[in-house]
Amino acid sequence: MRRRGTRTRWAAVTAVALALLFAGGAVTVASAERDEAPRTPATDSADAGFARDMAVHHQQAVEMSFIVRDRTQDESVRRLAYDIANTQANQRGMMLGWLDLWGLPKLQSGVEPMAWMGMGGSGDSGPSDGALMPGMATNAQLDALRKASGREAEVLYLKLMTEHHKGGVHMAEGCVGKCAPGVERDLAQGMVEAQQSEILLMADMLRKRGA
């Protein structure tokens, strides 16, 4: 009887020890998960500013690409326009989705575009030609693209998109330097590489058109 009682007590002690061990492990895992959980960016952060401004920047690239698609029959230009429109529309959707996920507004009144980069949309540091952000086309340039056709439309589109990409690369590099590590900064780095490659491609296309 005494031996059986001793075994019972040892089994109870062991069960309690194992329960405490597993409980401690669960607390450690939960704590680690909390530490690794993504933080929600503030509305004035580089992450939020980049998502807002690049979504606007991308929207104009999509618009210009749809315009030139209907103004030329050149397959190389139409293919480039389709690739740019498709890629940037998808990326724009991702960035607007992040803002929704973070519970942040897609537009921020009273804040100049690219202020998160230390720039403003007007004055000495911003574009002086009426464009909303560096690289973006003006309304007059968009109207000219709508009126052009054939080779004229191709050359104008390639020139406008080259400047647009240069502005986009500058902004994406700003996010690479200022945004928190994660998918958004990775996306920005991908934009830098892809748009620099397309700038070289468009330079070659312009040379072939004598521009």
N, C-alpha and C. Protein backbone atom coordinates (compact mmCIF):
# COMPACT_ATOMS: atom_id res chain seq x y z
N MET A 1 0.82 -1.20 0.00
CA MET A 1 0.00 0.00 0.00
C MET A 1 0.86 1.26 0.00
N ARG A 2 1.93 1.22 0.85
CA ARG A 2 2.79 2.39 0.92
C ARG A 2 3.49 2.64 -0.40
N ARG A 3 3.95 1.51 -1.08
CA ARG A 3 4.66 1.67 -2.34
C ARG A 3 3.74 2.25 -3.42
N ARG A 4 2.47 1.77 -3.42
CA ARG A 4 1.53 2.26 -4.41
C ARG A 4 1.24 3.75 -4.18
N GLY A 5 1.13 4.16 -2.92
CA GLY A 5 0.87 5.56 -2.60
C GLY A 5 2.02 6.46 -3.02
N THR A 6 3.25 5.95 -2.86
CA THR A 6 4.44 6.73 -3.27
C THR A 6 4.43 6.96 -4.78
N ARG A 7 4.11 5.88 -5.52
CA ARG A 7 4.06 6.01 -6.99
C ARG A 7 2.98 7.01 -7.42
N THR A 8 1.88 7.00 -6.74
CA THR A 8 0.79 7.93 -7.08
C THR A 8 1.21 9.38 -6.86
N ARG A 9 1.91 9.59 -5.68
CA ARG A 9 2.36 10.96 -5.40
C ARG A 9 3.37 11.42 -6.44
N TRP A 10 4.32 10.54 -6.84
CA TRP A 10 5.32 10.91 -7.84
C TRP A 10 4.67 11.22 -9.20
N ALA A 11 3.64 10.45 -9.55
CA ALA A 11 2.93 10.70 -10.82
C ALA A 11 2.26 12.06 -10.79
N ALA A 12 1.69 12.42 -9.64
CA ALA A 12 1.02 13.72 -9.51
C ALA A 12 2.02 14.85 -9.62
N VAL A 13 3.17 14.68 -8.92
CA VAL A 13 4.22 15.71 -8.97
C VAL A 13 4.73 15.89 -10.40
N THR A 14 4.96 14.77 -11.09
CA THR A 14 5.45 14.82 -12.47
C THR A 14 4.46 15.52 -13.38
N ALA A 15 3.17 15.23 -13.20
CA ALA A 15 2.14 15.86 -14.03
C ALA A 15 2.11 17.37 -13.84
N VAL A 16 2.23 17.78 -12.56
CA VAL A 16 2.25 19.22 -12.28
C VAL A 16 3.46 19.89 -12.91
N ALA A 17 4.63 19.24 -12.80
CA ALA A 17 5.86 19.81 -13.37
C ALA A 17 5.75 19.95 -14.87
N LEU A 18 5.21 18.91 -15.54
CA LEU A 18 5.05 18.98 -16.99
C LEU A 18 4.07 20.07 -17.39
N ALA A 19 3.00 20.21 -16.61
CA ALA A 19 2.01 21.25 -16.91
C ALA A 19 2.64 22.63 -16.82
N LEU A 20 3.46 22.83 -15.77
CA LEU A 20 4.13 24.12 -15.62
C LEU A 20 5.12 24.37 -16.75
N LEU A 21 5.82 23.29 -17.17
CA LEU A 21 6.80 23.43 -18.25
C LEU A 21 6.11 23.82 -19.55
N PHE A 22 5.01 23.15 -19.90
CA PHE A 22 4.29 23.46 -21.12
C PHE A 22 3.68 24.86 -21.06
N ALA A 23 3.18 25.23 -19.88
CA ALA A 23 2.60 26.56 -19.73
C ALA A 23 3.66 27.64 -19.94
N GLY A 24 4.85 27.39 -19.39
CA GLY A 24 5.94 28.35 -19.57
C GLY A 24 6.33 28.47 -21.02
N GLY A 25 6.36 27.32 -21.73
CA GLY A 25 6.69 27.35 -23.15
C GLY A 25 5.65 28.11 -23.94
N ALA A 26 4.39 27.94 -23.60
CA ALA A 26 3.32 28.64 -24.31
C ALA A 26 3.43 30.14 -24.12
N VAL A 27 3.75 30.57 -22.90
CA VAL A 27 3.92 31.99 -22.63
C VAL A 27 5.07 32.55 -23.44
N THR A 28 6.18 31.78 -23.52
CA THR A 28 7.34 32.23 -24.29
C THR A 28 7.00 32.39 -25.75
N VAL A 29 6.29 31.41 -26.33
CA VAL A 29 5.91 31.48 -27.74
C VAL A 29 4.97 32.65 -27.98
N ALA A 30 3.99 32.83 -27.10
CA ALA A 30 3.05 33.93 -27.25
C ALA A 30 3.77 35.27 -27.17
N SER A 31 4.73 35.36 -26.26
CA SER A 31 5.50 36.60 -26.12
C SER A 31 6.30 36.88 -27.38
N ALA A 32 6.91 35.82 -27.94
CA ALA A 32 7.71 35.99 -29.16
C ALA A 32 6.83 36.43 -30.31
N GLU A 33 5.61 35.83 -30.39
CA GLU A 33 4.70 36.20 -31.47
C GLU A 33 4.29 37.67 -31.35
N ARG A 34 4.07 38.14 -30.11
CA ARG A 34 3.73 39.55 -29.92
C ARG A 34 4.87 40.44 -30.34
N ASP A 35 6.10 40.03 -30.00
CA ASP A 35 7.26 40.85 -30.35
C ASP A 35 7.44 40.93 -31.86
N GLU A 36 7.09 39.85 -32.59
CA GLU A 36 7.31 39.81 -34.02
C GLU A 36 6.10 40.32 -34.80
N ALA A 37 4.99 40.61 -34.14
CA ALA A 37 3.80 41.08 -34.83
C ALA A 37 4.09 42.42 -35.51
N PRO A 38 3.62 42.60 -36.76
CA PRO A 38 3.88 43.85 -37.46
C PRO A 38 3.22 45.03 -36.77
N ARG A 39 3.94 46.13 -36.68
CA ARG A 39 3.39 47.33 -36.07
C ARG A 39 2.62 48.13 -37.11
N THR A 40 1.53 48.75 -36.72
CA THR A 40 0.75 49.58 -37.63
C THR A 40 1.45 50.92 -37.79
N PRO A 41 1.78 51.32 -39.02
CA PRO A 41 2.46 52.61 -39.21
C PRO A 41 1.56 53.77 -38.82
N ALA A 42 2.19 54.85 -38.38
CA ALA A 42 1.44 56.08 -38.09
C ALA A 42 1.06 56.75 -39.40
N THR A 43 0.04 57.60 -39.36
CA THR A 43 -0.46 58.22 -40.59
C THR A 43 0.57 59.14 -41.23
N ASP A 44 1.52 59.67 -40.43
CA ASP A 44 2.55 60.56 -40.99
C ASP A 44 3.88 59.83 -41.20
N SER A 45 3.86 58.50 -41.18
CA SER A 45 5.09 57.72 -41.35
C SER A 45 5.49 57.66 -42.83
N ALA A 46 6.74 57.27 -43.06
CA ALA A 46 7.20 57.08 -44.44
C ALA A 46 6.42 55.97 -45.12
N ASP A 47 6.07 54.93 -44.36
CA ASP A 47 5.33 53.80 -44.93
C ASP A 47 3.99 54.27 -45.49
N ALA A 48 3.24 55.02 -44.69
CA ALA A 48 1.93 55.50 -45.13
C ALA A 48 2.06 56.54 -46.24
N GLY A 49 3.03 57.43 -46.10
CA GLY A 49 3.24 58.46 -47.12
C GLY A 49 3.61 57.88 -48.46
N PHE A 50 4.48 56.89 -48.45
CA PHE A 50 4.88 56.23 -49.70
C PHE A 50 3.69 55.53 -50.34
N ALA A 51 2.91 54.81 -49.55
CA ALA A 51 1.76 54.10 -50.09
C ALA A 51 0.77 55.07 -50.74
N ARG A 52 0.51 56.19 -50.08
CA ARG A 52 -0.42 57.18 -50.63
C ARG A 52 0.12 57.80 -51.92
N ASP A 53 1.35 58.32 -51.84
CA ASP A 53 1.90 59.07 -52.97
C ASP A 53 2.19 58.17 -54.17
N MET A 54 2.72 56.97 -53.93
CA MET A 54 3.03 56.10 -55.05
C MET A 54 1.75 55.58 -55.70
N ALA A 55 0.67 55.44 -54.93
CA ALA A 55 -0.61 55.04 -55.52
C ALA A 55 -1.08 56.10 -56.52
N VAL A 56 -0.93 57.37 -56.17
CA VAL A 56 -1.30 58.46 -57.08
C VAL A 56 -0.37 58.47 -58.29
N HIS A 57 0.91 58.33 -58.04
CA HIS A 57 1.92 58.32 -59.10
C HIS A 57 1.62 57.19 -60.09
N HIS A 58 1.35 56.01 -59.58
CA HIS A 58 1.05 54.85 -60.42
C HIS A 58 -0.22 55.07 -61.24
N GLN A 59 -1.21 55.71 -60.64
CA GLN A 59 -2.47 55.91 -61.35
C GLN A 59 -2.26 56.67 -62.65
N GLN A 60 -1.38 57.69 -62.63
CA GLN A 60 -1.14 58.45 -63.85
C GLN A 60 -0.40 57.61 -64.89
N ALA A 61 0.50 56.75 -64.45
CA ALA A 61 1.20 55.88 -65.39
C ALA A 61 0.21 54.95 -66.09
N VAL A 62 -0.74 54.43 -65.34
CA VAL A 62 -1.78 53.58 -65.92
C VAL A 62 -2.60 54.38 -66.93
N GLU A 63 -2.95 55.61 -66.57
CA GLU A 63 -3.74 56.46 -67.46
C GLU A 63 -3.00 56.73 -68.77
N MET A 64 -1.73 57.11 -68.68
CA MET A 64 -0.95 57.39 -69.89
C MET A 64 -0.81 56.15 -70.76
N SER A 65 -0.67 55.00 -70.14
CA SER A 65 -0.50 53.76 -70.90
C SER A 65 -1.77 53.40 -71.66
N PHE A 66 -2.92 53.63 -71.05
CA PHE A 66 -4.18 53.38 -71.76
C PHE A 66 -4.38 54.38 -72.90
N ILE A 67 -3.93 55.62 -72.70
CA ILE A 67 -4.06 56.62 -73.77
C ILE A 67 -3.26 56.19 -74.99
N VAL A 68 -1.98 55.86 -74.80
CA VAL A 68 -1.12 55.55 -75.95
C VAL A 68 -1.53 54.25 -76.62
N ARG A 69 -2.13 53.36 -75.88
CA ARG A 69 -2.59 52.10 -76.47
C ARG A 69 -3.57 52.35 -77.61
N ASP A 70 -4.37 53.41 -77.45
CA ASP A 70 -5.37 53.74 -78.46
C ASP A 70 -4.87 54.74 -79.50
N ARG A 71 -3.62 55.21 -79.35
CA ARG A 71 -3.09 56.24 -80.26
C ARG A 71 -2.01 55.71 -81.19
N THR A 72 -1.67 54.43 -81.09
CA THR A 72 -0.65 53.84 -81.96
C THR A 72 -0.98 52.39 -82.23
N GLN A 73 -0.45 51.90 -83.35
CA GLN A 73 -0.58 50.49 -83.68
C GLN A 73 0.75 49.76 -83.52
N ASP A 74 1.79 50.48 -83.04
CA ASP A 74 3.11 49.87 -82.87
C ASP A 74 3.06 48.82 -81.76
N GLU A 75 3.40 47.57 -82.09
CA GLU A 75 3.26 46.48 -81.12
C GLU A 75 4.22 46.61 -79.95
N SER A 76 5.43 47.10 -80.17
CA SER A 76 6.40 47.20 -79.07
C SER A 76 5.95 48.24 -78.05
N VAL A 77 5.40 49.36 -78.51
CA VAL A 77 4.92 50.39 -77.59
C VAL A 77 3.65 49.92 -76.88
N ARG A 78 2.76 49.29 -77.62
CA ARG A 78 1.53 48.79 -77.01
C ARG A 78 1.84 47.71 -75.96
N ARG A 79 2.82 46.86 -76.24
CA ARG A 79 3.20 45.82 -75.28
C ARG A 79 3.81 46.42 -74.02
N LEU A 80 4.69 47.42 -74.20
CA LEU A 80 5.27 48.11 -73.04
C LEU A 80 4.18 48.79 -72.22
N ALA A 81 3.25 49.47 -72.91
CA ALA A 81 2.17 50.17 -72.22
C ALA A 81 1.31 49.18 -71.44
N TYR A 82 1.04 48.02 -72.03
CA TYR A 82 0.24 47.01 -71.32
C TYR A 82 0.97 46.52 -70.07
N ASP A 83 2.27 46.25 -70.20
CA ASP A 83 3.05 45.77 -69.05
C ASP A 83 3.07 46.80 -67.93
N ILE A 84 3.28 48.06 -68.28
CA ILE A 84 3.32 49.11 -67.26
C ILE A 84 1.96 49.27 -66.60
N ALA A 85 0.89 49.30 -67.40
CA ALA A 85 -0.45 49.47 -66.84
C ALA A 85 -0.81 48.31 -65.92
N ASN A 86 -0.52 47.09 -66.36
CA ASN A 86 -0.86 45.91 -65.57
C ASN A 86 -0.08 45.87 -64.26
N THR A 87 1.23 46.08 -64.35
CA THR A 87 2.09 46.03 -63.16
C THR A 87 1.73 47.11 -62.16
N GLN A 88 1.58 48.34 -62.65
CA GLN A 88 1.38 49.44 -61.72
C GLN A 88 -0.05 49.46 -61.17
N ALA A 89 -1.01 48.96 -61.92
CA ALA A 89 -2.36 48.85 -61.37
C ALA A 89 -2.38 47.84 -60.22
N ASN A 90 -1.67 46.72 -60.39
CA ASN A 90 -1.61 45.71 -59.33
C ASN A 90 -0.89 46.25 -58.10
N GLN A 91 0.23 46.94 -58.31
CA GLN A 91 0.97 47.49 -57.18
C GLN A 91 0.15 48.57 -56.47
N ARG A 92 -0.57 49.37 -57.23
CA ARG A 92 -1.42 50.39 -56.63
C ARG A 92 -2.48 49.74 -55.73
N GLY A 93 -3.06 48.66 -56.20
CA GLY A 93 -4.04 47.95 -55.39
C GLY A 93 -3.45 47.43 -54.09
N MET A 94 -2.22 46.94 -54.15
CA MET A 94 -1.54 46.46 -52.94
C MET A 94 -1.36 47.59 -51.94
N MET A 95 -0.90 48.74 -52.42
CA MET A 95 -0.61 49.86 -51.50
C MET A 95 -1.89 50.42 -50.88
N LEU A 96 -2.95 50.51 -51.67
CA LEU A 96 -4.23 50.96 -51.11
C LEU A 96 -4.77 49.93 -50.13
N GLY A 97 -4.52 48.66 -50.42
CA GLY A 97 -4.94 47.60 -49.49
C GLY A 97 -4.21 47.69 -48.16
N TRP A 98 -2.92 48.03 -48.20
CA TRP A 98 -2.16 48.20 -46.95
C TRP A 98 -2.74 49.34 -46.13
N LEU A 99 -3.09 50.44 -46.78
CA LEU A 99 -3.68 51.57 -46.04
C LEU A 99 -4.99 51.15 -45.39
N ASP A 100 -5.80 50.37 -46.09
CA ASP A 100 -7.04 49.85 -45.49
C ASP A 100 -6.72 48.96 -44.29
N LEU A 101 -5.73 48.08 -44.46
CA LEU A 101 -5.34 47.17 -43.39
C LEU A 101 -4.86 47.93 -42.16
N TRP A 102 -4.15 49.02 -42.40
CA TRP A 102 -3.62 49.83 -41.29
C TRP A 102 -4.68 50.77 -40.70
N GLY A 103 -5.84 50.86 -41.35
CA GLY A 103 -6.88 51.77 -40.87
C GLY A 103 -6.52 53.23 -41.08
N LEU A 104 -5.76 53.52 -42.14
CA LEU A 104 -5.30 54.88 -42.41
C LEU A 104 -5.99 55.43 -43.65
N PRO A 105 -6.19 56.76 -43.73
CA PRO A 105 -6.86 57.35 -44.90
C PRO A 105 -5.99 57.26 -46.15
N LYS A 106 -6.65 57.12 -47.29
CA LYS A 106 -5.93 57.06 -48.57
C LYS A 106 -5.48 58.44 -49.02
N LEU A 107 -6.13 59.47 -48.53
CA LEU A 107 -5.76 60.84 -48.82
C LEU A 107 -5.59 61.57 -47.49
N GLN A 108 -4.59 62.44 -47.43
CA GLN A 108 -4.32 63.17 -46.19
C GLN A 108 -4.35 64.66 -46.50
N SER A 109 -5.40 65.32 -46.06
CA SER A 109 -5.55 66.75 -46.36
C SER A 109 -4.55 67.58 -45.56
N GLY A 110 -4.12 68.67 -46.18
CA GLY A 110 -3.21 69.59 -45.51
C GLY A 110 -1.76 69.15 -45.50
N VAL A 111 -1.44 68.04 -46.18
CA VAL A 111 -0.07 67.55 -46.22
C VAL A 111 0.39 67.50 -47.68
N GLU A 112 1.52 68.14 -47.97
CA GLU A 112 2.04 68.16 -49.33
C GLU A 112 2.51 66.77 -49.75
N PRO A 113 2.35 66.43 -51.03
CA PRO A 113 2.91 65.17 -51.52
C PRO A 113 4.41 65.09 -51.25
N MET A 114 4.85 63.90 -50.87
CA MET A 114 6.26 63.60 -50.62
C MET A 114 6.83 64.33 -49.41
N ALA A 115 5.96 64.86 -48.54
CA ALA A 115 6.44 65.50 -47.32
C ALA A 115 7.20 64.50 -46.45
N TRP A 116 6.83 63.22 -46.53
CA TRP A 116 7.52 62.18 -45.75
C TRP A 116 8.96 62.02 -46.18
N MET A 117 9.30 62.53 -47.37
CA MET A 117 10.68 62.50 -47.86
C MET A 117 11.42 63.80 -47.57
N GLY A 118 10.73 64.74 -46.90
CA GLY A 118 11.33 66.05 -46.68
C GLY A 118 11.17 66.96 -47.87
N MET A 119 10.19 66.62 -48.74
CA MET A 119 9.94 67.42 -49.93
C MET A 119 8.53 67.98 -49.85
N GLY A 120 8.24 68.94 -50.71
CA GLY A 120 6.90 69.50 -50.80
C GLY A 120 6.43 69.53 -52.23
N GLY A 121 5.14 69.65 -52.41
CA GLY A 121 4.60 69.66 -53.75
C GLY A 121 4.68 71.03 -54.42
N SER A 122 5.14 72.04 -53.70
CA SER A 122 5.25 73.38 -54.29
C SER A 122 6.46 74.06 -53.69
N GLY A 123 6.84 75.19 -54.26
CA GLY A 123 7.98 75.92 -53.72
C GLY A 123 9.28 75.43 -54.32
N ASP A 124 10.39 75.72 -53.66
CA ASP A 124 11.70 75.43 -54.22
C ASP A 124 11.96 73.94 -54.37
N SER A 125 11.41 73.10 -53.47
CA SER A 125 11.76 71.69 -53.48
C SER A 125 10.82 70.86 -54.35
N GLY A 126 9.69 71.42 -54.78
CA GLY A 126 8.72 70.67 -55.56
C GLY A 126 8.76 71.05 -57.02
N PRO A 127 8.00 70.34 -57.89
CA PRO A 127 7.98 70.67 -59.31
C PRO A 127 7.37 72.03 -59.53
N SER A 128 7.92 72.77 -60.50
CA SER A 128 7.44 74.13 -60.76
C SER A 128 6.60 74.20 -62.02
N ASP A 129 6.29 73.04 -62.65
CA ASP A 129 5.57 73.04 -63.92
C ASP A 129 4.10 72.68 -63.77
N GLY A 130 3.61 72.64 -62.53
CA GLY A 130 2.21 72.32 -62.31
C GLY A 130 1.95 70.86 -62.08
N ALA A 131 2.95 70.01 -62.21
CA ALA A 131 2.79 68.59 -61.93
C ALA A 131 2.64 68.38 -60.43
N LEU A 132 1.88 67.34 -60.07
CA LEU A 132 1.62 67.10 -58.65
C LEU A 132 2.88 66.66 -57.91
N MET A 133 3.68 65.79 -58.56
CA MET A 133 4.92 65.29 -57.97
C MET A 133 5.99 65.21 -59.04
N PRO A 134 7.28 65.19 -58.66
CA PRO A 134 8.34 65.09 -59.66
C PRO A 134 8.13 63.89 -60.58
N GLY A 135 8.29 64.14 -61.88
CA GLY A 135 8.15 63.07 -62.87
C GLY A 135 6.76 62.96 -63.45
N MET A 136 5.75 63.45 -62.73
CA MET A 136 4.39 63.33 -63.22
C MET A 136 4.12 64.33 -64.34
N ALA A 137 3.32 63.91 -65.31
CA ALA A 137 2.96 64.77 -66.43
C ALA A 137 1.96 65.84 -65.99
N THR A 138 2.01 66.98 -66.66
CA THR A 138 1.03 68.03 -66.42
C THR A 138 -0.24 67.73 -67.21
N ASN A 139 -1.31 68.46 -66.90
CA ASN A 139 -2.55 68.29 -67.66
C ASN A 139 -2.34 68.64 -69.13
N ALA A 140 -1.51 69.65 -69.39
CA ALA A 140 -1.24 70.04 -70.77
C ALA A 140 -0.52 68.91 -71.52
N GLN A 141 0.41 68.24 -70.86
CA GLN A 141 1.12 67.14 -71.50
C GLN A 141 0.20 65.95 -71.74
N LEU A 142 -0.71 65.69 -70.82
CA LEU A 142 -1.67 64.60 -71.02
C LEU A 142 -2.60 64.93 -72.18
N ASP A 143 -3.02 66.18 -72.30
CA ASP A 143 -3.87 66.59 -73.42
C ASP A 143 -3.12 66.42 -74.75
N ALA A 144 -1.84 66.77 -74.75
CA ALA A 144 -1.04 66.61 -75.97
C ALA A 144 -0.94 65.14 -76.36
N LEU A 145 -0.79 64.26 -75.38
CA LEU A 145 -0.71 62.83 -75.67
C LEU A 145 -2.04 62.32 -76.24
N ARG A 146 -3.14 62.83 -75.73
CA ARG A 146 -4.46 62.41 -76.22
C ARG A 146 -4.68 62.84 -77.67
N LYS A 147 -4.08 63.95 -78.06
CA LYS A 147 -4.27 64.49 -79.41
C LYS A 147 -3.29 63.90 -80.41
N ALA A 148 -2.18 63.35 -79.93
CA ALA A 148 -1.15 62.82 -80.83
C ALA A 148 -1.56 61.44 -81.35
N SER A 149 -0.85 61.00 -82.39
CA SER A 149 -1.11 59.66 -82.92
C SER A 149 0.16 59.16 -83.61
N GLY A 150 0.22 57.85 -83.82
CA GLY A 150 1.35 57.26 -84.52
C GLY A 150 2.68 57.50 -83.83
N ARG A 151 3.70 57.82 -84.64
CA ARG A 151 5.05 58.01 -84.10
C ARG A 151 5.09 59.16 -83.11
N GLU A 152 4.33 60.22 -83.36
CA GLU A 152 4.32 61.37 -82.43
C GLU A 152 3.83 60.93 -81.05
N ALA A 153 2.79 60.12 -81.01
CA ALA A 153 2.26 59.64 -79.73
C ALA A 153 3.27 58.71 -79.05
N GLU A 154 3.92 57.87 -79.83
CA GLU A 154 4.90 56.93 -79.27
C GLU A 154 6.05 57.68 -78.61
N VAL A 155 6.60 58.66 -79.33
CA VAL A 155 7.74 59.43 -78.80
C VAL A 155 7.34 60.21 -77.55
N LEU A 156 6.17 60.85 -77.61
CA LEU A 156 5.72 61.63 -76.46
C LEU A 156 5.49 60.72 -75.25
N TYR A 157 4.86 59.59 -75.47
CA TYR A 157 4.62 58.64 -74.36
C TYR A 157 5.94 58.16 -73.77
N LEU A 158 6.89 57.78 -74.61
CA LEU A 158 8.16 57.27 -74.11
C LEU A 158 8.92 58.33 -73.32
N LYS A 159 8.86 59.58 -73.79
CA LYS A 159 9.53 60.66 -73.06
C LYS A 159 8.84 60.94 -71.73
N LEU A 160 7.50 61.03 -71.75
CA LEU A 160 6.77 61.28 -70.51
C LEU A 160 6.94 60.13 -69.52
N MET A 161 6.91 58.89 -70.01
CA MET A 161 7.02 57.76 -69.10
C MET A 161 8.45 57.63 -68.55
N THR A 162 9.43 58.03 -69.34
CA THR A 162 10.81 58.01 -68.83
C THR A 162 10.94 58.95 -67.64
N GLU A 163 10.42 60.17 -67.77
CA GLU A 163 10.47 61.13 -66.66
C GLU A 163 9.62 60.63 -65.49
N HIS A 164 8.49 60.02 -65.81
CA HIS A 164 7.61 59.47 -64.77
C HIS A 164 8.34 58.39 -63.98
N HIS A 165 9.03 57.51 -64.68
CA HIS A 165 9.79 56.45 -64.01
C HIS A 165 10.92 57.02 -63.15
N LYS A 166 11.58 58.06 -63.65
CA LYS A 166 12.67 58.66 -62.87
C LYS A 166 12.12 59.21 -61.55
N GLY A 167 10.96 59.86 -61.61
CA GLY A 167 10.34 60.34 -60.38
C GLY A 167 9.92 59.20 -59.47
N GLY A 168 9.41 58.12 -60.08
CA GLY A 168 9.02 56.95 -59.30
C GLY A 168 10.20 56.28 -58.62
N VAL A 169 11.31 56.18 -59.34
CA VAL A 169 12.52 55.58 -58.77
C VAL A 169 13.00 56.41 -57.58
N HIS A 170 12.98 57.73 -57.74
CA HIS A 170 13.41 58.62 -56.65
C HIS A 170 12.55 58.39 -55.40
N MET A 171 11.23 58.28 -55.60
CA MET A 171 10.35 58.08 -54.46
C MET A 171 10.54 56.69 -53.85
N ALA A 172 10.68 55.68 -54.70
CA ALA A 172 10.88 54.31 -54.19
C ALA A 172 12.19 54.20 -53.41
N GLU A 173 13.23 54.88 -53.89
CA GLU A 173 14.49 54.88 -53.14
C GLU A 173 14.30 55.54 -51.77
N GLY A 174 13.42 56.55 -51.71
CA GLY A 174 13.13 57.18 -50.42
C GLY A 174 12.51 56.19 -49.45
N CYS A 175 11.60 55.33 -49.96
CA CYS A 175 10.99 54.31 -49.09
C CYS A 175 12.02 53.27 -48.67
N VAL A 176 12.88 52.87 -49.59
CA VAL A 176 13.92 51.90 -49.24
C VAL A 176 14.76 52.41 -48.08
N GLY A 177 15.00 53.71 -48.06
CA GLY A 177 15.80 54.29 -46.99
C GLY A 177 15.03 54.61 -45.72
N LYS A 178 13.71 54.82 -45.82
CA LYS A 178 12.95 55.31 -44.67
C LYS A 178 11.87 54.36 -44.16
N CYS A 179 11.32 53.51 -45.02
CA CYS A 179 10.22 52.62 -44.61
C CYS A 179 10.75 51.51 -43.69
N ALA A 180 9.87 50.98 -42.87
CA ALA A 180 10.24 49.88 -41.98
C ALA A 180 10.52 48.63 -42.80
N PRO A 181 11.44 47.77 -42.33
CA PRO A 181 11.71 46.53 -43.05
C PRO A 181 10.44 45.71 -43.21
N GLY A 182 10.26 45.11 -44.36
CA GLY A 182 9.06 44.30 -44.60
C GLY A 182 8.66 44.33 -46.06
N VAL A 183 7.43 43.91 -46.33
CA VAL A 183 6.98 43.73 -47.70
C VAL A 183 6.93 45.05 -48.47
N GLU A 184 6.59 46.15 -47.80
CA GLU A 184 6.49 47.42 -48.52
C GLU A 184 7.87 47.89 -48.97
N ARG A 185 8.85 47.79 -48.10
CA ARG A 185 10.20 48.20 -48.49
C ARG A 185 10.74 47.27 -49.58
N ASP A 186 10.41 45.99 -49.50
CA ASP A 186 10.82 45.04 -50.54
C ASP A 186 10.17 45.41 -51.88
N LEU A 187 8.90 45.80 -51.84
CA LEU A 187 8.21 46.22 -53.06
C LEU A 187 8.89 47.46 -53.65
N ALA A 188 9.23 48.41 -52.79
CA ALA A 188 9.90 49.63 -53.26
C ALA A 188 11.23 49.31 -53.93
N GLN A 189 11.99 48.39 -53.36
CA GLN A 189 13.26 48.00 -53.98
C GLN A 189 13.03 47.35 -55.33
N GLY A 190 11.98 46.54 -55.43
CA GLY A 190 11.64 45.93 -56.71
C GLY A 190 11.24 46.97 -57.75
N MET A 191 10.54 48.02 -57.30
CA MET A 191 10.18 49.10 -58.22
C MET A 191 11.42 49.80 -58.77
N VAL A 192 12.38 50.06 -57.90
CA VAL A 192 13.62 50.72 -58.33
C VAL A 192 14.27 49.92 -59.45
N GLU A 193 14.43 48.64 -59.24
CA GLU A 193 15.12 47.80 -60.22
C GLU A 193 14.33 47.67 -61.52
N ALA A 194 13.01 47.45 -61.43
CA ALA A 194 12.19 47.26 -62.62
C ALA A 194 12.10 48.54 -63.45
N GLN A 195 11.91 49.68 -62.77
CA GLN A 195 11.74 50.92 -63.51
C GLN A 195 13.05 51.42 -64.10
N GLN A 196 14.15 51.18 -63.44
CA GLN A 196 15.45 51.52 -64.03
C GLN A 196 15.68 50.71 -65.30
N SER A 197 15.29 49.45 -65.29
CA SER A 197 15.42 48.61 -66.47
C SER A 197 14.54 49.12 -67.61
N GLU A 198 13.32 49.54 -67.28
CA GLU A 198 12.42 50.06 -68.31
C GLU A 198 12.88 51.42 -68.84
N ILE A 199 13.56 52.21 -68.03
CA ILE A 199 14.13 53.48 -68.50
C ILE A 199 15.14 53.21 -69.60
N LEU A 200 15.98 52.20 -69.41
CA LEU A 200 16.97 51.83 -70.44
C LEU A 200 16.27 51.33 -71.70
N LEU A 201 15.23 50.53 -71.53
CA LEU A 201 14.47 50.02 -72.67
C LEU A 201 13.84 51.17 -73.45
N MET A 202 13.25 52.14 -72.75
CA MET A 202 12.60 53.26 -73.43
C MET A 202 13.62 54.17 -74.12
N ALA A 203 14.82 54.29 -73.57
CA ALA A 203 15.88 55.07 -74.22
C ALA A 203 16.23 54.43 -75.56
N ASP A 204 16.30 53.11 -75.60
CA ASP A 204 16.59 52.41 -76.84
C ASP A 204 15.44 52.58 -77.84
N MET A 205 14.21 52.52 -77.35
CA MET A 205 13.04 52.70 -78.24
C MET A 205 13.00 54.11 -78.81
N LEU A 206 13.40 55.09 -78.02
CA LEU A 206 13.45 56.46 -78.51
C LEU A 206 14.54 56.62 -79.57
N ARG A 207 15.69 56.00 -79.36
CA ARG A 207 16.78 56.08 -80.37
C ARG A 207 16.32 55.50 -81.70
N LYS A 208 15.59 54.39 -81.64
CA LYS A 208 15.11 53.77 -82.87
C LYS A 208 14.09 54.65 -83.59
N ARG A 209 13.49 55.59 -82.89
CA ARG A 209 12.54 56.52 -83.50
C ARG A 209 13.18 57.87 -83.78
N GLY A 210 14.50 57.93 -83.65
CA GLY A 210 15.22 59.16 -83.96
C GLY A 210 14.96 60.28 -82.99
N ALA A 211 14.56 59.92 -81.77
CA ALA A 211 14.25 60.95 -80.77
C ALA A 211 15.30 60.89 -79.68
